[in-house]
Amino acid sequence: MISNIQRKGVVMGIIWSLLAWIPYYTDYLGSVRGIIGIPAALGLNLELALNRGDSFAYSILLGAGMGFVIGSIADFARNGIKIVGLFPRKKKKLYGRGL
């Protein structure tokens, strides 16, 4: 079952992969092309390596996959890692008081 964080990661990955094509088609965001354009660059390289398909579709699939992986890591870090003393307890333990 997919969690809400993973679902949000997939949606953000698709949005990221759509925004990644802006520096390739226009002159906007050219200074951050190396960071924003990761899914587009990977899609272009995959199309060149396979000699078939569409680099735009590959970039969307790769962006969704990267978003899912980042969402899974964030979900694991949020639910699986417990740091002692980071979040103090709000309730006091009531031992043997009948409450």
N, C-alpha and C. Protein backbone atom coordinates (compact mmCIF):
# COMPACT_ATOMS: atom_id res chain seq x y z
N MET A 1 0.84 -1.17 0.00
CA MET A 1 0.00 0.00 0.00
C MET A 1 0.89 1.25 0.00
N ILE A 2 0.48 2.23 -0.74
CA ILE A 2 1.28 3.45 -0.87
C ILE A 2 0.78 4.47 0.16
N SER A 3 1.73 5.11 0.83
CA SER A 3 1.36 6.08 1.86
C SER A 3 1.13 7.45 1.23
N ASN A 4 0.62 8.36 2.03
CA ASN A 4 0.36 9.71 1.53
C ASN A 4 1.65 10.44 1.17
N ILE A 5 2.70 10.20 1.93
CA ILE A 5 3.98 10.84 1.64
C ILE A 5 4.54 10.34 0.31
N GLN A 6 4.40 9.04 0.05
CA GLN A 6 4.87 8.49 -1.21
C GLN A 6 4.04 9.01 -2.38
N ARG A 7 2.74 9.15 -2.17
CA ARG A 7 1.87 9.69 -3.22
C ARG A 7 2.23 11.14 -3.53
N LYS A 8 2.50 11.92 -2.48
CA LYS A 8 2.92 13.30 -2.69
C LYS A 8 4.28 13.35 -3.38
N GLY A 9 5.16 12.40 -3.07
CA GLY A 9 6.46 12.33 -3.73
C GLY A 9 6.33 12.05 -5.21
N VAL A 10 5.40 11.18 -5.58
CA VAL A 10 5.18 10.88 -7.00
C VAL A 10 4.64 12.11 -7.72
N VAL A 11 3.68 12.80 -7.11
CA VAL A 11 3.12 14.01 -7.73
C VAL A 11 4.19 15.09 -7.87
N MET A 12 4.98 15.29 -6.83
CA MET A 12 6.05 16.28 -6.90
C MET A 12 7.10 15.88 -7.94
N GLY A 13 7.37 14.59 -8.09
CA GLY A 13 8.30 14.12 -9.11
C GLY A 13 7.80 14.38 -10.52
N ILE A 14 6.50 14.21 -10.73
CA ILE A 14 5.93 14.50 -12.05
C ILE A 14 5.99 16.00 -12.34
N ILE A 15 5.67 16.81 -11.34
CA ILE A 15 5.76 18.26 -11.52
C ILE A 15 7.20 18.68 -11.79
N TRP A 16 8.14 18.07 -11.07
CA TRP A 16 9.56 18.36 -11.27
C TRP A 16 9.99 17.99 -12.69
N SER A 17 9.53 16.84 -13.18
CA SER A 17 9.93 16.44 -14.52
C SER A 17 9.31 17.33 -15.59
N LEU A 18 8.12 17.88 -15.34
CA LEU A 18 7.54 18.83 -16.29
C LEU A 18 8.30 20.16 -16.27
N LEU A 19 8.68 20.61 -15.08
CA LEU A 19 9.45 21.85 -14.97
C LEU A 19 10.87 21.70 -15.49
N ALA A 20 11.35 20.48 -15.58
CA ALA A 20 12.73 20.25 -16.03
C ALA A 20 12.92 20.60 -17.49
N TRP A 21 11.85 20.62 -18.26
CA TRP A 21 11.98 20.92 -19.68
C TRP A 21 12.00 22.40 -19.99
N ILE A 22 11.68 23.26 -19.01
CA ILE A 22 11.67 24.71 -19.25
C ILE A 22 13.05 25.23 -19.67
N PRO A 23 14.15 24.85 -18.99
CA PRO A 23 15.46 25.36 -19.46
C PRO A 23 15.88 24.83 -20.82
N TYR A 24 15.33 23.69 -21.26
CA TYR A 24 15.72 23.15 -22.55
C TYR A 24 14.99 23.85 -23.71
N TYR A 25 13.76 24.31 -23.48
CA TYR A 25 13.00 24.95 -24.54
C TYR A 25 13.08 26.47 -24.52
N THR A 26 13.34 27.05 -23.38
CA THR A 26 13.40 28.51 -23.26
C THR A 26 14.74 28.90 -22.65
N ASP A 27 14.90 30.18 -22.42
CA ASP A 27 16.12 30.68 -21.79
C ASP A 27 15.91 30.91 -20.30
N TYR A 28 14.70 30.64 -19.81
CA TYR A 28 14.43 30.83 -18.39
C TYR A 28 15.07 29.72 -17.57
N LEU A 29 15.46 30.05 -16.37
CA LEU A 29 16.04 29.10 -15.40
C LEU A 29 17.30 28.43 -15.93
N GLY A 30 18.03 29.11 -16.79
CA GLY A 30 19.24 28.54 -17.36
C GLY A 30 20.36 28.37 -16.35
N SER A 31 20.35 29.21 -15.31
CA SER A 31 21.43 29.13 -14.32
C SER A 31 21.28 27.92 -13.41
N VAL A 32 20.07 27.41 -13.26
CA VAL A 32 19.86 26.24 -12.39
C VAL A 32 19.47 25.01 -13.22
N ARG A 33 19.90 25.01 -14.47
CA ARG A 33 19.56 23.91 -15.37
C ARG A 33 20.13 22.57 -14.89
N GLY A 34 21.28 22.60 -14.27
CA GLY A 34 21.90 21.36 -13.80
C GLY A 34 21.13 20.69 -12.69
N ILE A 35 20.43 21.47 -11.87
CA ILE A 35 19.67 20.90 -10.76
C ILE A 35 18.24 20.59 -11.18
N ILE A 36 17.59 21.56 -11.80
CA ILE A 36 16.19 21.37 -12.18
C ILE A 36 16.07 20.37 -13.33
N GLY A 37 17.02 20.37 -14.23
CA GLY A 37 16.91 19.57 -15.44
C GLY A 37 17.37 18.14 -15.32
N ILE A 38 17.48 17.60 -14.13
CA ILE A 38 17.94 16.22 -13.97
C ILE A 38 17.02 15.22 -14.66
N PRO A 39 15.69 15.25 -14.47
CA PRO A 39 14.84 14.28 -15.17
C PRO A 39 14.89 14.43 -16.69
N ALA A 40 14.98 15.67 -17.18
CA ALA A 40 15.04 15.88 -18.62
C ALA A 40 16.34 15.33 -19.20
N ALA A 41 17.44 15.57 -18.52
CA ALA A 41 18.73 15.06 -19.00
C ALA A 41 18.75 13.53 -18.98
N LEU A 42 18.20 12.94 -17.92
CA LEU A 42 18.15 11.48 -17.86
C LEU A 42 17.23 10.90 -18.93
N GLY A 43 16.12 11.58 -19.21
CA GLY A 43 15.22 11.13 -20.28
C GLY A 43 15.88 11.22 -21.64
N LEU A 44 16.61 12.31 -21.89
CA LEU A 44 17.33 12.43 -23.17
C LEU A 44 18.39 11.35 -23.32
N ASN A 45 19.14 11.11 -22.27
CA ASN A 45 20.17 10.07 -22.33
C ASN A 45 19.58 8.68 -22.50
N LEU A 46 18.44 8.42 -21.88
CA LEU A 46 17.80 7.11 -22.04
C LEU A 46 17.28 6.91 -23.45
N GLU A 47 16.74 7.97 -24.05
CA GLU A 47 16.29 7.86 -25.44
C GLU A 47 17.47 7.61 -26.38
N LEU A 48 18.57 8.30 -26.14
CA LEU A 48 19.75 8.08 -26.99
C LEU A 48 20.33 6.69 -26.80
N ALA A 49 20.27 6.16 -25.58
CA ALA A 49 20.82 4.83 -25.33
C ALA A 49 19.96 3.73 -25.92
N LEU A 50 18.63 3.90 -25.89
CA LEU A 50 17.74 2.85 -26.37
C LEU A 50 17.41 2.97 -27.86
N ASN A 51 17.63 4.15 -28.44
CA ASN A 51 17.29 4.43 -29.84
C ASN A 51 15.80 4.24 -30.14
N ARG A 52 14.96 4.45 -29.15
CA ARG A 52 13.51 4.39 -29.36
C ARG A 52 12.82 5.09 -28.20
N GLY A 53 11.59 5.42 -28.42
CA GLY A 53 10.81 6.04 -27.36
C GLY A 53 10.87 7.55 -27.41
N ASP A 54 10.29 8.16 -26.37
CA ASP A 54 10.19 9.60 -26.28
C ASP A 54 10.87 10.06 -25.00
N SER A 55 11.77 11.01 -25.13
CA SER A 55 12.52 11.46 -23.96
C SER A 55 11.62 12.18 -22.96
N PHE A 56 10.54 12.82 -23.42
CA PHE A 56 9.62 13.49 -22.53
C PHE A 56 8.90 12.47 -21.64
N ALA A 57 8.44 11.38 -22.24
CA ALA A 57 7.77 10.33 -21.46
C ALA A 57 8.75 9.65 -20.50
N TYR A 58 9.97 9.43 -20.95
CA TYR A 58 10.98 8.84 -20.07
C TYR A 58 11.27 9.76 -18.88
N SER A 59 11.32 11.06 -19.13
CA SER A 59 11.61 11.98 -18.04
C SER A 59 10.47 12.00 -17.02
N ILE A 60 9.23 11.90 -17.48
CA ILE A 60 8.11 11.85 -16.54
C ILE A 60 8.16 10.57 -15.71
N LEU A 61 8.45 9.45 -16.34
CA LEU A 61 8.56 8.19 -15.59
C LEU A 61 9.72 8.21 -14.60
N LEU A 62 10.84 8.76 -15.03
CA LEU A 62 11.99 8.84 -14.12
C LEU A 62 11.74 9.83 -12.98
N GLY A 63 11.07 10.94 -13.26
CA GLY A 63 10.73 11.89 -12.22
C GLY A 63 9.77 11.30 -11.20
N ALA A 64 8.79 10.55 -11.68
CA ALA A 64 7.85 9.89 -10.76
C ALA A 64 8.57 8.84 -9.91
N GLY A 65 9.50 8.13 -10.51
CA GLY A 65 10.27 7.13 -9.76
C GLY A 65 11.17 7.77 -8.72
N MET A 66 11.82 8.87 -9.10
CA MET A 66 12.67 9.56 -8.12
C MET A 66 11.84 10.16 -6.99
N GLY A 67 10.67 10.69 -7.33
CA GLY A 67 9.79 11.22 -6.29
C GLY A 67 9.30 10.14 -5.35
N PHE A 68 9.01 8.95 -5.89
CA PHE A 68 8.59 7.83 -5.04
C PHE A 68 9.70 7.40 -4.10
N VAL A 69 10.92 7.33 -4.62
CA VAL A 69 12.05 6.93 -3.78
C VAL A 69 12.31 7.96 -2.68
N ILE A 70 12.26 9.23 -3.04
CA ILE A 70 12.46 10.28 -2.03
C ILE A 70 11.34 10.26 -1.01
N GLY A 71 10.10 10.04 -1.46
CA GLY A 71 8.97 9.92 -0.54
C GLY A 71 9.09 8.72 0.37
N SER A 72 9.59 7.60 -0.16
CA SER A 72 9.77 6.41 0.67
C SER A 72 10.84 6.63 1.74
N ILE A 73 11.92 7.30 1.37
CA ILE A 73 12.98 7.60 2.34
C ILE A 73 12.45 8.55 3.41
N ALA A 74 11.68 9.55 2.99
CA ALA A 74 11.10 10.50 3.96
C ALA A 74 10.10 9.80 4.87
N ASP A 75 9.31 8.87 4.32
CA ASP A 75 8.34 8.13 5.13
C ASP A 75 9.05 7.22 6.13
N PHE A 76 10.12 6.58 5.70
CA PHE A 76 10.88 5.73 6.61
C PHE A 76 11.55 6.56 7.70
N ALA A 77 12.09 7.72 7.31
CA ALA A 77 12.76 8.57 8.30
C ALA A 77 11.75 9.13 9.31
N ARG A 78 10.56 9.39 8.85
CA ARG A 78 9.55 9.95 9.75
C ARG A 78 8.99 8.91 10.71
N ASN A 79 8.77 7.70 10.22
CA ASN A 79 8.11 6.68 11.04
C ASN A 79 9.07 5.66 11.64
N GLY A 80 10.20 5.43 11.02
CA GLY A 80 11.06 4.35 11.45
C GLY A 80 12.22 4.75 12.34
N ILE A 81 12.64 5.98 12.27
CA ILE A 81 13.79 6.43 13.04
C ILE A 81 13.30 7.16 14.28
N LYS A 82 13.70 6.68 15.43
CA LYS A 82 13.31 7.32 16.68
C LYS A 82 14.56 7.89 17.34
N ILE A 83 14.55 9.17 17.62
CA ILE A 83 15.66 9.83 18.29
C ILE A 83 15.24 10.09 19.72
N VAL A 84 15.95 9.50 20.65
CA VAL A 84 15.60 9.60 22.06
C VAL A 84 15.87 11.02 22.54
N GLY A 85 14.87 11.63 23.17
CA GLY A 85 15.02 12.95 23.74
C GLY A 85 14.76 14.09 22.79
N LEU A 86 14.51 13.80 21.51
CA LEU A 86 14.26 14.88 20.57
C LEU A 86 12.87 15.48 20.77
N PHE A 87 11.88 14.63 20.92
CA PHE A 87 10.52 15.07 21.16
C PHE A 87 10.11 14.62 22.56
N PRO A 88 10.08 15.53 23.53
CA PRO A 88 9.71 15.12 24.88
C PRO A 88 8.25 14.71 24.95
N ARG A 89 7.97 13.85 25.88
CA ARG A 89 6.61 13.37 26.04
C ARG A 89 5.73 14.45 26.62
N LYS A 90 4.52 14.49 26.17
CA LYS A 90 3.57 15.46 26.66
C LYS A 90 2.85 14.95 27.91
N LYS A 91 2.70 13.63 27.99
CA LYS A 91 1.98 13.03 29.11
C LYS A 91 2.97 12.53 30.16
N LYS A 92 2.57 12.62 31.38
CA LYS A 92 3.36 12.03 32.44
C LYS A 92 2.82 10.64 32.72
N LYS A 93 3.70 9.73 33.02
CA LYS A 93 3.26 8.38 33.34
C LYS A 93 2.68 8.36 34.75
N LEU A 94 1.54 7.74 34.87
CA LEU A 94 0.88 7.62 36.16
C LEU A 94 0.93 6.16 36.58
N TYR A 95 1.89 5.83 37.43
CA TYR A 95 2.06 4.46 37.85
C TYR A 95 1.32 4.23 39.17
N GLY A 96 0.47 3.23 39.20
CA GLY A 96 -0.15 2.79 40.44
C GLY A 96 -1.07 3.79 41.10
N ARG A 97 -1.55 4.74 40.38
CA ARG A 97 -2.44 5.73 40.99
C ARG A 97 -3.89 5.48 40.64
N GLY A 98 -4.13 4.48 39.85
CA GLY A 98 -5.49 4.13 39.51
C GLY A 98 -6.11 5.02 38.44
N LEU A 99 -5.32 5.79 37.76
CA LEU A 99 -5.88 6.68 36.73
C LEU A 99 -5.55 6.17 35.37
